[in-house]
Amino acid sequence: MAEDQGKEHDKQQKVHRADQSTTGPEGSIAPENTPTYPTSLLNNPALGGRGNAPVRAAIMRQMQQTYGNKAVQRYLQRARDTATPVSDKGLDVEQTPDHAHSTPVQRTGPTTTPTAPPTAPVVTVDRIDIVDSASGAIGGFPAITSGDLNTPGPYNDATTGAVKNAHQIHFHLDQGDSSMLTPRRELQRSFWAAGIEHKNPPDRPLPPGEVGPPTPGGYDGVIVGPDGPPPHEIQRPSTDKIVVADAPGARALVTAQYPYTYRSHFTLIVADSGGRDIAKVTYDVWIEKTSAADVPNTHNSITATSKEDLVRGQSLQ
């Protein structure tokens, strides 16, 4: 009898220990047939109503098991701080020892990095040289009607009476490539033959109905005219140099045209492929020839009046 009672006591102890193994400080572990709920229900205001506490507790346990207690606490804090519901996608899961292998659930679209606008290649000029003699000149320019672009300096032709000032202007680059530059030349010119002035550009008459003198052109005027340069006056002997040549003056003179005077203001600019002006030189050409025998000429010169690096805003004189 005592043996039977002892066996019965042992059975009761085993059942008691088995019951204890399914309990803990947080309450019973959910049986296998405990329903699961979508975590989005936690945002439903109705979940706070009477009778829904078991469902709310079940959802909280699901989220703690999935995301970890810290992440759920942060989620609840944000839900309290904002007037709009916070979904479980806002959980910022940390890789803590409790869930080191959990996959963060915060999902965002593809990150787009703003693309900076394309930057134009940098090209700058650090020196401008006016070459008016054989020293420093380059060759390779084609033949022209009168004068020689390959031989800078005063030019006179005894047969035709031509008189010119041949010169080369060298732009030296310290950044970029000479192929990136395009030259543009402008002028304000007058020449006098037997005392009569010829202007380029000419004076500009006032519009119809207006009274007064015309807008003056020529050397002493205010109108600026285009002057090329044409392709045969341009060379790029190296990647860091572009050269523009010219030979202004008279192609031919007869006795009745003396004395001959030529005066001109020139502006020569190089611009990049985007049309931005990079560097500029201004210069004057002055020729005085009193007769066919006036060789060397009374005056035949080119003089720089300014040289500018327009990118860095500095003088290159």
Protein backbone atom coordinates (compact mmCIF):
# COMPACT_ATOMS: atom_id res chain seq x y z
CA MET A 1 0.00 0.00 0.00
CA ALA A 2 2.75 2.40 0.96
CA GLU A 3 4.49 1.49 -2.29
CA ASP A 4 1.35 2.33 -4.28
CA GLN A 5 1.05 5.64 -2.44
CA GLY A 6 4.68 6.45 -3.20
CA LYS A 7 4.16 5.76 -6.90
CA GLU A 8 1.10 7.97 -6.93
CA HIS A 9 3.08 10.75 -5.19
CA ASP A 10 5.84 10.51 -7.84
CA LYS A 11 3.27 10.82 -10.66
CA GLN A 12 1.83 13.95 -9.07
CA GLN A 13 5.32 15.52 -8.73
CA LYS A 14 6.11 14.86 -12.42
CA VAL A 15 2.85 16.40 -13.54
CA HIS A 16 3.47 19.40 -11.26
CA ARG A 17 6.99 19.92 -12.72
CA ALA A 18 5.66 19.61 -16.27
CA ASP A 19 3.08 22.29 -15.54
CA GLN A 20 5.78 24.56 -14.12
CA SER A 21 7.94 24.17 -17.23
CA THR A 22 5.30 25.91 -19.35
CA THR A 23 5.05 28.98 -17.12
CA GLY A 24 7.34 31.89 -16.50
CA PRO A 25 7.49 35.40 -15.06
CA GLU A 26 5.71 36.81 -18.14
CA GLY A 27 2.87 34.30 -18.04
CA SER A 28 2.18 31.17 -20.04
CA ILE A 29 3.96 30.59 -23.31
CA ALA A 30 1.43 30.71 -26.14
CA PRO A 31 0.27 27.20 -27.13
CA GLU A 32 0.84 26.10 -30.68
CA ASN A 33 -2.78 26.85 -31.55
CA THR A 34 -2.62 30.47 -30.25
CA PRO A 35 -3.72 32.75 -33.16
CA THR A 36 -1.28 35.28 -34.62
CA TYR A 37 -2.32 38.80 -35.55
CA PRO A 38 -1.01 41.31 -38.11
CA THR A 39 1.15 43.84 -36.27
CA SER A 40 -0.58 46.66 -38.12
CA LEU A 41 -3.55 46.11 -35.77
CA LEU A 42 -1.54 47.86 -33.09
CA ASN A 43 -2.33 51.15 -34.87
CA ASN A 44 -6.09 50.48 -34.82
CA PRO A 45 -7.76 52.81 -32.27
CA ALA A 46 -10.35 50.08 -31.57
CA LEU A 47 -7.61 47.92 -30.06
CA GLY A 48 -7.69 50.12 -26.99
CA GLY A 49 -11.31 49.24 -26.31
CA ARG A 50 -12.62 46.96 -23.59
CA GLY A 51 -12.10 43.27 -24.15
CA ASN A 52 -9.16 43.68 -26.53
CA ALA A 53 -6.37 43.49 -23.98
CA PRO A 54 -5.50 39.82 -24.83
CA VAL A 55 -5.18 40.67 -28.51
CA ARG A 56 -3.04 43.74 -27.74
CA ALA A 57 -0.79 41.67 -25.48
CA ALA A 58 -0.45 38.96 -28.12
CA ILE A 59 0.59 41.48 -30.76
CA MET A 60 3.14 43.01 -28.38
CA ARG A 61 4.66 39.56 -27.74
CA GLN A 62 4.83 38.89 -31.49
CA MET A 63 6.64 42.19 -32.10
CA GLN A 64 9.08 41.64 -29.20
CA GLN A 65 9.96 38.18 -30.53
CA THR A 66 10.44 39.53 -34.05
CA TYR A 67 12.16 42.85 -33.47
CA GLY A 68 13.42 42.83 -29.93
CA ASN A 69 12.25 44.72 -26.87
CA LYS A 70 14.32 47.92 -27.48
CA ALA A 71 13.01 48.38 -30.99
CA VAL A 72 9.41 47.91 -29.84
CA GLN A 73 9.89 50.44 -27.03
CA ARG A 74 11.20 53.02 -29.53
CA TYR A 75 8.27 52.23 -31.81
CA LEU A 76 5.76 52.80 -29.00
CA GLN A 77 7.47 56.06 -28.01
CA ARG A 78 7.21 57.40 -31.57
CA ALA A 79 3.58 56.29 -31.74
CA ARG A 80 2.87 58.35 -28.61
CA ASP A 81 4.79 61.38 -29.91
CA THR A 82 3.02 61.63 -33.26
CA ALA A 83 -0.60 62.18 -34.09
CA THR A 84 -0.47 59.82 -37.07
CA PRO A 85 -0.19 56.05 -36.62
CA VAL A 86 3.26 54.56 -36.93
CA SER A 87 3.51 51.30 -38.85
CA ASP A 88 5.84 48.48 -37.92
CA LYS A 89 7.93 49.49 -40.95
CA GLY A 90 9.20 52.37 -38.87
CA LEU A 91 10.99 50.06 -36.45
CA ASP A 92 14.72 50.77 -36.49
CA VAL A 93 16.03 47.38 -35.38
CA GLU A 94 19.50 47.35 -33.85
CA GLN A 95 21.79 44.37 -34.22
CA THR A 96 21.94 43.55 -30.49
CA PRO A 97 22.82 40.14 -29.02
CA ASP A 98 19.08 39.49 -28.48
CA HIS A 99 18.42 39.50 -32.21
CA ALA A 100 21.82 39.64 -33.85
CA HIS A 101 20.51 37.69 -36.84
CA SER A 102 17.29 39.64 -37.28
CA THR A 103 16.79 41.41 -40.56
CA PRO A 104 16.01 45.15 -40.21
CA VAL A 105 12.51 45.83 -41.42
CA GLN A 106 12.95 49.50 -42.26
CA ARG A 107 12.56 49.69 -46.02
CA THR A 108 13.28 52.67 -48.18
CA GLY A 109 13.33 53.27 -51.90
CA PRO A 110 16.58 53.42 -53.88
CA THR A 111 18.79 56.24 -52.71
CA THR A 112 19.31 58.84 -55.42
CA THR A 113 22.43 60.96 -55.14
CA PRO A 114 21.98 64.38 -56.76
CA THR A 115 24.19 64.67 -59.81
CA ALA A 116 26.16 67.90 -60.15
CA PRO A 117 25.80 69.68 -63.48
CA PRO A 118 28.58 68.89 -65.88
CA THR A 119 31.54 71.14 -65.36
CA ALA A 120 32.99 72.83 -68.41
CA PRO A 121 36.68 72.00 -68.95
CA VAL A 122 38.91 74.60 -67.38
CA VAL A 123 41.02 76.62 -69.81
CA THR A 124 43.07 79.67 -68.83
CA VAL A 125 45.68 81.91 -70.42
CA ASP A 126 48.67 83.13 -68.40
CA ARG A 127 50.60 85.05 -71.08
CA ILE A 128 49.90 87.03 -74.24
CA ASP A 129 52.81 87.95 -76.53
CA ILE A 130 52.69 90.37 -79.46
CA VAL A 131 55.34 89.33 -81.97
CA ASP A 132 56.30 92.09 -84.46
CA SER A 133 59.67 90.75 -85.66
CA ALA A 134 61.27 87.47 -86.69
CA SER A 135 62.16 86.79 -83.04
CA GLY A 136 59.60 84.41 -81.55
CA ALA A 137 57.54 84.12 -84.74
CA ILE A 138 56.15 80.84 -86.00
CA GLY A 139 55.79 79.72 -89.63
CA GLY A 140 53.21 77.76 -91.51
CA PHE A 141 50.78 80.52 -92.47
CA PRO A 142 49.66 80.50 -96.11
CA ALA A 143 50.57 83.23 -98.59
CA ILE A 144 48.35 86.33 -98.68
CA THR A 145 47.82 89.00 -101.34
CA SER A 146 50.37 91.40 -99.84
CA GLY A 147 52.53 91.03 -96.79
CA ASP A 148 53.80 87.87 -95.10
CA LEU A 149 52.17 86.46 -91.95
CA ASN A 150 55.26 84.32 -91.29
CA THR A 151 57.57 87.36 -91.19
CA PRO A 152 56.23 89.90 -88.70
CA GLY A 153 57.24 93.56 -88.94
CA PRO A 154 56.76 96.54 -91.32
CA TYR A 155 56.08 95.46 -94.89
CA ASN A 156 56.57 97.56 -98.04
CA ASP A 157 56.25 96.59 -101.71
CA ALA A 158 58.11 98.94 -104.09
CA THR A 159 56.09 97.73 -107.08
CA THR A 160 52.56 98.11 -105.72
CA GLY A 161 53.28 100.68 -103.04
CA ALA A 162 51.68 98.36 -100.45
CA VAL A 163 52.44 99.15 -96.82
CA LYS A 164 51.42 96.95 -93.91
CA ASN A 165 52.18 95.95 -90.37
CA ALA A 166 52.46 92.15 -90.15
CA HIS A 167 52.29 90.66 -86.65
CA GLN A 168 51.44 87.58 -84.65
CA ILE A 169 49.66 87.43 -81.30
CA HIS A 170 50.47 84.36 -79.16
CA PHE A 171 48.17 83.22 -76.36
CA HIS A 172 49.91 80.82 -73.96
CA LEU A 173 47.68 78.47 -71.93
CA ASP A 174 48.48 77.25 -68.43
CA GLN A 175 45.34 75.10 -68.27
CA GLY A 176 43.36 73.35 -70.96
CA ASP A 177 44.04 72.76 -74.63
CA SER A 178 44.41 75.29 -77.45
CA SER A 179 41.79 73.37 -79.45
CA MET A 180 39.26 74.56 -76.89
CA LEU A 181 39.74 78.23 -77.84
CA THR A 182 38.24 80.27 -80.67
CA PRO A 183 39.50 83.81 -81.44
CA ARG A 184 37.32 86.82 -82.17
CA ARG A 185 38.68 90.17 -83.39
CA GLU A 186 37.05 93.62 -83.43
CA LEU A 187 38.24 96.96 -84.73
CA GLN A 188 37.73 100.72 -84.88
CA ARG A 189 39.73 101.86 -87.92
CA SER A 190 40.35 104.89 -90.07
CA PHE A 191 42.79 105.50 -92.87
CA TRP A 192 43.50 108.76 -94.64
CA ALA A 193 44.56 108.89 -98.28
CA ALA A 194 45.48 112.37 -99.59
CA GLY A 195 43.79 113.81 -96.51
CA ILE A 196 40.42 112.04 -96.91
CA GLU A 197 39.26 109.83 -94.04
CA HIS A 198 37.76 106.39 -94.63
CA LYS A 199 36.10 104.77 -91.63
CA ASN A 200 35.42 101.18 -90.65
CA PRO A 201 32.81 100.89 -89.22
CA PRO A 202 31.32 103.96 -90.93
CA ASP A 203 29.27 106.62 -89.15
CA ARG A 204 25.74 105.48 -88.33
CA PRO A 205 22.94 107.89 -89.32
CA LEU A 206 20.19 108.61 -86.80
CA PRO A 207 16.82 106.89 -87.24
CA PRO A 208 14.28 108.70 -89.44
CA GLY A 209 12.65 111.60 -87.65
CA GLU A 210 15.55 112.25 -85.27
CA VAL A 211 17.71 115.33 -85.65
CA GLY A 212 21.41 115.51 -84.87
CA PRO A 213 24.80 114.25 -85.97
CA PRO A 214 25.30 110.56 -86.81
CA THR A 215 26.88 108.12 -84.35
CA PRO A 216 30.59 108.30 -85.16
CA GLY A 217 32.50 105.28 -86.42
CA GLY A 218 36.14 104.90 -87.35
CA TYR A 219 39.21 105.26 -85.18
CA ASP A 220 37.84 108.14 -83.08
CA GLY A 221 34.27 106.86 -83.00
CA VAL A 222 32.26 104.67 -80.63
CA ILE A 223 31.06 101.95 -83.01
CA VAL A 224 32.94 98.64 -82.95
CA GLY A 225 32.97 96.36 -85.99
CA PRO A 226 33.84 92.67 -86.52
CA ASP A 227 37.16 91.74 -88.09
CA GLY A 228 37.31 87.93 -88.16
CA PRO A 229 39.85 86.46 -87.97
CA PRO A 230 39.51 84.12 -90.97
CA PRO A 231 40.78 80.53 -90.58
CA HIS A 232 44.01 81.13 -92.55
CA GLU A 233 45.14 83.60 -89.85
CA ILE A 234 44.84 81.06 -86.99
CA GLN A 235 47.31 78.39 -85.92
CA ARG A 236 47.61 76.11 -82.91
CA PRO A 237 51.26 75.04 -82.95
CA SER A 238 50.92 73.18 -79.63
CA THR A 239 48.28 72.22 -77.09
CA ASP A 240 49.28 75.17 -74.91
CA LYS A 241 49.40 77.89 -77.59
CA ILE A 242 47.09 79.52 -80.11
CA VAL A 243 48.45 82.13 -82.53
CA VAL A 244 46.52 84.73 -84.54
CA ALA A 245 48.31 86.62 -87.33
CA ASP A 246 47.29 89.74 -89.25
CA ALA A 247 48.71 92.28 -91.68
CA PRO A 248 46.57 95.44 -91.69
CA GLY A 249 47.42 98.39 -93.95
CA ALA A 250 47.18 99.29 -97.65
CA ARG A 251 47.37 96.58 -100.33
CA ALA A 252 48.49 99.14 -102.89
CA LEU A 253 49.02 102.89 -103.15
CA VAL A 254 49.41 105.27 -106.06
CA THR A 255 51.08 108.68 -106.02
CA ALA A 256 47.77 110.53 -105.67
CA GLN A 257 46.95 108.74 -102.41
CA TYR A 258 49.94 110.02 -100.48
CA PRO A 259 50.36 110.89 -97.71
CA TYR A 260 48.86 107.72 -96.30
CA THR A 261 47.94 107.27 -92.62
CA TYR A 262 46.45 104.18 -91.02
CA ARG A 263 45.15 104.15 -87.39
CA SER A 264 43.18 101.34 -85.75
CA HIS A 265 42.14 100.10 -82.34
CA PHE A 266 41.95 96.30 -82.20
CA THR A 267 40.52 93.92 -79.61
CA LEU A 268 41.38 90.22 -79.87
CA ILE A 269 39.54 87.79 -77.59
CA VAL A 270 39.79 84.02 -77.21
CA ALA A 271 36.66 82.20 -75.97
CA ASP A 272 36.08 78.60 -74.89
CA SER A 273 33.69 76.11 -76.48
CA GLY A 274 30.89 77.36 -74.26
CA GLY A 275 31.29 80.92 -75.53
CA ARG A 276 32.92 82.24 -72.35
CA ASP A 277 35.63 84.83 -72.97
CA ILE A 278 38.94 83.56 -71.54
CA ALA A 279 41.53 86.23 -72.38
CA LYS A 280 41.75 89.53 -74.22
CA VAL A 281 44.35 91.83 -75.69
CA THR A 282 43.78 95.35 -77.00
CA TYR A 283 46.33 97.04 -79.25
CA ASP A 284 46.78 99.87 -81.72
CA VAL A 285 48.33 99.79 -85.18
CA TRP A 286 49.72 103.03 -86.60
CA ILE A 287 51.24 103.48 -90.07
CA GLU A 288 52.50 106.74 -91.64
CA LYS A 289 53.89 106.73 -95.19
CA THR A 290 54.42 110.09 -96.85
CA SER A 291 55.50 108.89 -100.31
CA ALA A 292 56.55 105.81 -102.24
CA ALA A 293 60.15 106.52 -101.24
CA ASP A 294 59.28 106.71 -97.54
CA VAL A 295 60.89 103.38 -96.64
CA PRO A 296 61.45 102.66 -93.80
CA ASN A 297 58.15 104.37 -93.10
CA THR A 298 57.78 107.48 -91.02
CA HIS A 299 55.82 105.29 -88.63
CA ASN A 300 54.87 101.61 -88.65
CA SER A 301 54.15 99.98 -85.28
CA ILE A 302 51.87 97.84 -83.12
CA THR A 303 51.42 98.72 -79.45
CA ALA A 304 49.58 96.71 -76.77
CA THR A 305 47.24 98.79 -74.60
CA SER A 306 45.98 95.98 -72.33
CA LYS A 307 46.32 92.23 -71.77
CA GLU A 308 43.82 90.47 -69.53
CA ASP A 309 43.17 87.05 -68.04
CA LEU A 310 39.37 87.24 -67.96
CA VAL A 311 38.91 84.00 -65.97
CA ARG A 312 40.97 85.07 -62.96
CA GLY A 313 40.36 88.79 -63.46
CA GLN A 314 43.98 89.86 -63.65
CA SER A 315 46.21 91.88 -65.93
CA LEU A 316 48.83 90.09 -68.04
CA GLN A 317 50.75 93.25 -68.96
